[in-house]
Amino acid sequence: MEITPLLQSILGLVAILAILIFLLFLPSDKKKKQANIRNSATPQRQAQKTDLAYLRSIVKNKKSTTKELEQALALVIKHHGNIHPKLGARPHPDFDVYMDFLFTICRHPNSSKDIIINFDKNLRRLNPEYKKEINEAITKGLNSRRV
């Protein structure tokens, strides 16, 4: 067996491997064009902010529309609906944020009874041990409304 054809075969395979590796790392305009076409064809949904502070700022903004309030409260229920369990007989300190939500939506000028009832119902369903506190917060909020 001669060594020359064996060396030529190995060198040929190494050359083919080098070309394939080069093509793998070569930036392709075709891939970029396809990605741009895909991105422009389907409009990207803007990432929704779901942190509690941002949603709270929407509810506290007096210029928020009814639709914005509904969306913000739906996101609160979806992402932050579960309140920490009570500490004995007293509510968890994080409940103050939810109490503020309830109080604020009751006083908001663009709030409606449907928004208040829906948020109240969903919050009670997710946190049955806080029913009394939720009811008190809504009562205080509705009583503080200017009629």
C-alpha atoms as a PDB file:
ATOM      1  CA  MET A   1       0.000   0.000   0.000  1.00  0.00           C
ATOM      2  CA  GLU A   2       1.376   3.318  -0.995  1.00  0.00           C
ATOM      3  CA  ILE A   3       1.323   6.273   1.337  1.00  0.00           C
ATOM      4  CA  THR A   4       1.020   8.966  -1.333  1.00  0.00           C
ATOM      5  CA  PRO A   5      -2.678   8.374  -2.242  1.00  0.00           C
ATOM      6  CA  LEU A   6      -3.495   8.093   1.451  1.00  0.00           C
ATOM      7  CA  LEU A   7      -1.865  11.497   2.179  1.00  0.00           C
ATOM      8  CA  GLN A   8      -3.585  13.071  -0.814  1.00  0.00           C
ATOM      9  CA  SER A   9      -6.977  11.776   0.409  1.00  0.00           C
ATOM     10  CA  ILE A  10      -6.384  13.145   3.899  1.00  0.00           C
ATOM     11  CA  LEU A  11      -5.281  16.545   2.539  1.00  0.00           C
ATOM     12  CA  GLY A  12      -8.350  16.634   0.286  1.00  0.00           C
ATOM     13  CA  LEU A  13     -10.679  15.888   3.213  1.00  0.00           C
ATOM     14  CA  VAL A  14      -8.984  18.558   5.369  1.00  0.00           C
ATOM     15  CA  ALA A  15      -9.386  21.095   2.538  1.00  0.00           C
ATOM     16  CA  ILE A  16     -13.090  20.248   2.171  1.00  0.00           C
ATOM     17  CA  LEU A  17     -13.535  20.493   5.953  1.00  0.00           C
ATOM     18  CA  ALA A  18     -11.820  23.908   5.982  1.00  0.00           C
ATOM     19  CA  ILE A  19     -14.119  25.180   3.222  1.00  0.00           C
ATOM     20  CA  LEU A  20     -17.220  23.933   5.051  1.00  0.00           C
ATOM     21  CA  ILE A  21     -16.130  25.567   8.310  1.00  0.00           C
ATOM     22  CA  PHE A  22     -15.463  28.819   6.440  1.00  0.00           C
ATOM     23  CA  LEU A  23     -18.947  28.695   4.916  1.00  0.00           C
ATOM     24  CA  LEU A  24     -20.468  27.972   8.303  1.00  0.00           C
ATOM     25  CA  PHE A  25     -19.029  31.118   9.864  1.00  0.00           C
ATOM     26  CA  LEU A  26     -19.412  33.308   6.792  1.00  0.00           C
ATOM     27  CA  PRO A  27     -22.195  35.838   7.422  1.00  0.00           C
ATOM     28  CA  SER A  28     -24.904  35.211   4.907  1.00  0.00           C
ATOM     29  CA  ASP A  29     -26.921  38.110   3.491  1.00  0.00           C
ATOM     30  CA  LYS A  30     -29.591  35.648   2.447  1.00  0.00           C
ATOM     31  CA  LYS A  31     -30.263  34.675   6.057  1.00  0.00           C
ATOM     32  CA  LYS A  32     -30.453  38.329   7.090  1.00  0.00           C
ATOM     33  CA  LYS A  33     -32.827  39.150   4.251  1.00  0.00           C
ATOM     34  CA  GLN A  34     -35.083  36.246   5.188  1.00  0.00           C
ATOM     35  CA  ALA A  35     -35.058  37.351   8.828  1.00  0.00           C
ATOM     36  CA  ASN A  36     -35.890  40.930   7.835  1.00  0.00           C
ATOM     37  CA  ILE A  37     -38.702  39.768   5.577  1.00  0.00           C
ATOM     38  CA  ARG A  38     -40.082  37.590   8.354  1.00  0.00           C
ATOM     39  CA  ASN A  39     -39.893  40.422  10.900  1.00  0.00           C
ATOM     40  CA  SER A  40     -41.487  42.982   8.610  1.00  0.00           C
ATOM     41  CA  ALA A  41     -44.217  40.601   7.455  1.00  0.00           C
ATOM     42  CA  THR A  42     -45.415  39.851  10.976  1.00  0.00           C
ATOM     43  CA  PRO A  43     -45.608  42.928  13.158  1.00  0.00           C
ATOM     44  CA  GLN A  44     -43.815  42.379  16.408  1.00  0.00           C
ATOM     45  CA  ARG A  45     -45.885  42.720  19.514  1.00  0.00           C
ATOM     46  CA  GLN A  46     -44.352  45.163  21.853  1.00  0.00           C
ATOM     47  CA  ALA A  47     -43.252  43.395  24.972  1.00  0.00           C
ATOM     48  CA  GLN A  48     -45.743  44.132  27.702  1.00  0.00           C
ATOM     49  CA  LYS A  49     -44.414  45.383  30.953  1.00  0.00           C
ATOM     50  CA  THR A  50     -45.890  43.292  33.705  1.00  0.00           C
ATOM     51  CA  ASP A  51     -44.077  44.540  36.776  1.00  0.00           C
ATOM     52  CA  LEU A  52     -46.373  45.694  39.555  1.00  0.00           C
ATOM     53  CA  ALA A  53     -44.928  49.214  39.767  1.00  0.00           C
ATOM     54  CA  TYR A  54     -45.610  49.895  36.070  1.00  0.00           C
ATOM     55  CA  LEU A  55     -49.166  48.550  36.272  1.00  0.00           C
ATOM     56  CA  ARG A  56     -49.743  50.598  39.397  1.00  0.00           C
ATOM     57  CA  SER A  57     -48.611  53.742  37.575  1.00  0.00           C
ATOM     58  CA  ILE A  58     -51.177  53.090  34.829  1.00  0.00           C
ATOM     59  CA  VAL A  59     -53.967  52.746  37.377  1.00  0.00           C
ATOM     60  CA  LYS A  60     -52.857  55.840  39.288  1.00  0.00           C
ATOM     61  CA  ASN A  61     -52.696  57.951  36.125  1.00  0.00           C
ATOM     62  CA  LYS A  62     -55.945  59.939  36.003  1.00  0.00           C
ATOM     63  CA  LYS A  63     -55.694  60.164  32.210  1.00  0.00           C
ATOM     64  CA  SER A  64     -55.694  56.386  31.676  1.00  0.00           C
ATOM     65  CA  THR A  65     -58.587  55.236  29.532  1.00  0.00           C
ATOM     66  CA  THR A  66     -61.083  52.571  30.491  1.00  0.00           C
ATOM     67  CA  LYS A  67     -59.425  50.109  28.104  1.00  0.00           C
ATOM     68  CA  GLU A  68     -55.972  50.774  29.596  1.00  0.00           C
ATOM     69  CA  LEU A  69     -57.377  50.215  33.079  1.00  0.00           C
ATOM     70  CA  GLU A  70     -58.953  46.915  32.029  1.00  0.00           C
ATOM     71  CA  GLN A  71     -55.703  45.716  30.454  1.00  0.00           C
ATOM     72  CA  ALA A  72     -53.588  46.763  33.428  1.00  0.00           C
ATOM     73  CA  LEU A  73     -55.893  45.075  35.922  1.00  0.00           C
ATOM     74  CA  ALA A  74     -56.044  41.926  33.779  1.00  0.00           C
ATOM     75  CA  LEU A  75     -52.227  41.815  33.828  1.00  0.00           C
ATOM     76  CA  VAL A  76     -52.238  42.308  37.605  1.00  0.00           C
ATOM     77  CA  ILE A  77     -54.551  39.326  37.996  1.00  0.00           C
ATOM     78  CA  LYS A  78     -52.605  37.248  35.488  1.00  0.00           C
ATOM     79  CA  HIS A  79     -49.092  37.892  36.783  1.00  0.00           C
ATOM     80  CA  HIS A  80     -49.553  39.073  40.373  1.00  0.00           C
ATOM     81  CA  GLY A  81     -52.960  37.689  41.345  1.00  0.00           C
ATOM     82  CA  ASN A  82     -51.845  35.505  44.216  1.00  0.00           C
ATOM     83  CA  ILE A  83     -51.241  37.385  47.457  1.00  0.00           C
ATOM     84  CA  HIS A  84     -48.932  35.883  50.050  1.00  0.00           C
ATOM     85  CA  PRO A  85     -50.734  33.964  52.813  1.00  0.00           C
ATOM     86  CA  LYS A  86     -51.849  35.807  55.914  1.00  0.00           C
ATOM     87  CA  LEU A  87     -49.495  36.095  58.852  1.00  0.00           C
ATOM     88  CA  GLY A  88     -51.771  34.724  61.524  1.00  0.00           C
ATOM     89  CA  ALA A  89     -54.776  37.039  61.734  1.00  0.00           C
ATOM     90  CA  ARG A  90     -53.187  39.984  59.940  1.00  0.00           C
ATOM     91  CA  PRO A  91     -52.701  40.367  56.211  1.00  0.00           C
ATOM     92  CA  HIS A  92     -49.282  40.070  54.623  1.00  0.00           C
ATOM     93  CA  PRO A  93     -47.564  43.483  54.160  1.00  0.00           C
ATOM     94  CA  ASP A  94     -47.704  43.010  50.368  1.00  0.00           C
ATOM     95  CA  PHE A  95     -51.498  43.205  50.570  1.00  0.00           C
ATOM     96  CA  ASP A  96     -51.172  46.990  50.936  1.00  0.00           C
ATOM     97  CA  VAL A  97     -50.303  47.192  47.229  1.00  0.00           C
ATOM     98  CA  TYR A  98     -53.496  45.352  46.281  1.00  0.00           C
ATOM     99  CA  MET A  99     -55.497  47.480  48.705  1.00  0.00           C
ATOM    100  CA  ASP A 100     -54.091  50.547  46.960  1.00  0.00           C
ATOM    101  CA  PHE A 101     -55.127  49.088  43.583  1.00  0.00           C
ATOM    102  CA  LEU A 102     -58.667  48.530  44.840  1.00  0.00           C
ATOM    103  CA  PHE A 103     -58.900  51.969  46.407  1.00  0.00           C
ATOM    104  CA  THR A 104     -57.482  53.672  43.304  1.00  0.00           C
ATOM    105  CA  ILE A 105     -59.727  51.953  40.763  1.00  0.00           C
ATOM    106  CA  CYS A 106     -62.758  52.854  42.853  1.00  0.00           C
ATOM    107  CA  ARG A 107     -61.764  56.531  42.718  1.00  0.00           C
ATOM    108  CA  HIS A 108     -60.494  56.625  39.119  1.00  0.00           C
ATOM    109  CA  PRO A 109     -62.546  58.907  36.845  1.00  0.00           C
ATOM    110  CA  ASN A 110     -62.546  56.427  33.934  1.00  0.00           C
ATOM    111  CA  SER A 111     -63.363  53.395  36.043  1.00  0.00           C
ATOM    112  CA  SER A 112     -66.696  51.644  35.645  1.00  0.00           C
ATOM    113  CA  LYS A 113     -68.659  49.266  37.795  1.00  0.00           C
ATOM    114  CA  ASP A 114     -67.743  46.404  35.453  1.00  0.00           C
ATOM    115  CA  ILE A 115     -64.014  47.005  35.916  1.00  0.00           C
ATOM    116  CA  ILE A 116     -64.340  47.197  39.701  1.00  0.00           C
ATOM    117  CA  ILE A 117     -66.567  44.121  39.963  1.00  0.00           C
ATOM    118  CA  ASN A 118     -64.397  42.073  37.598  1.00  0.00           C
ATOM    119  CA  PHE A 119     -61.171  42.903  39.468  1.00  0.00           C
ATOM    120  CA  ASP A 120     -62.870  42.277  42.817  1.00  0.00           C
ATOM    121  CA  LYS A 121     -64.299  38.922  41.686  1.00  0.00           C
ATOM    122  CA  ASN A 122     -60.998  37.678  40.244  1.00  0.00           C
ATOM    123  CA  LEU A 123     -58.964  38.799  43.245  1.00  0.00           C
ATOM    124  CA  ARG A 124     -61.394  37.111  45.642  1.00  0.00           C
ATOM    125  CA  ARG A 125     -61.359  33.918  43.582  1.00  0.00           C
ATOM    126  CA  LEU A 126     -57.547  33.739  43.723  1.00  0.00           C
ATOM    127  CA  ASN A 127     -57.285  34.774  47.388  1.00  0.00           C
ATOM    128  CA  PRO A 128     -60.268  33.463  49.366  1.00  0.00           C
ATOM    129  CA  GLU A 129     -58.661  34.160  52.746  1.00  0.00           C
ATOM    130  CA  TYR A 130     -58.532  37.893  51.945  1.00  0.00           C
ATOM    131  CA  LYS A 131     -62.264  38.279  51.146  1.00  0.00           C
ATOM    132  CA  LYS A 132     -62.951  40.455  54.180  1.00  0.00           C
ATOM    133  CA  GLU A 133     -59.991  42.776  53.531  1.00  0.00           C
ATOM    134  CA  ILE A 134     -60.835  43.085  49.813  1.00  0.00           C
ATOM    135  CA  ASN A 135     -64.428  43.980  50.671  1.00  0.00           C
ATOM    136  CA  GLU A 136     -63.260  46.617  53.165  1.00  0.00           C
ATOM    137  CA  ALA A 137     -60.870  48.174  50.632  1.00  0.00           C
ATOM    138  CA  ILE A 138     -63.606  48.432  48.000  1.00  0.00           C
ATOM    139  CA  THR A 139     -66.050  49.875  50.521  1.00  0.00           C
ATOM    140  CA  LYS A 140     -63.531  52.537  51.556  1.00  0.00           C
ATOM    141  CA  GLY A 141     -62.760  53.347  47.923  1.00  0.00           C
ATOM    142  CA  LEU A 142     -66.402  53.656  46.933  1.00  0.00           C
ATOM    143  CA  ASN A 143     -67.242  55.716  50.030  1.00  0.00           C
ATOM    144  CA  SER A 144     -64.399  58.123  49.243  1.00  0.00           C
ATOM    145  CA  ARG A 145     -65.717  58.809  45.722  1.00  0.00           C
ATOM    146  CA  ARG A 146     -67.089  62.232  45.060  1.00  0.00           C
ATOM    147  CA  VAL A 147     -70.721  61.968  44.098  1.00  0.00           C
END
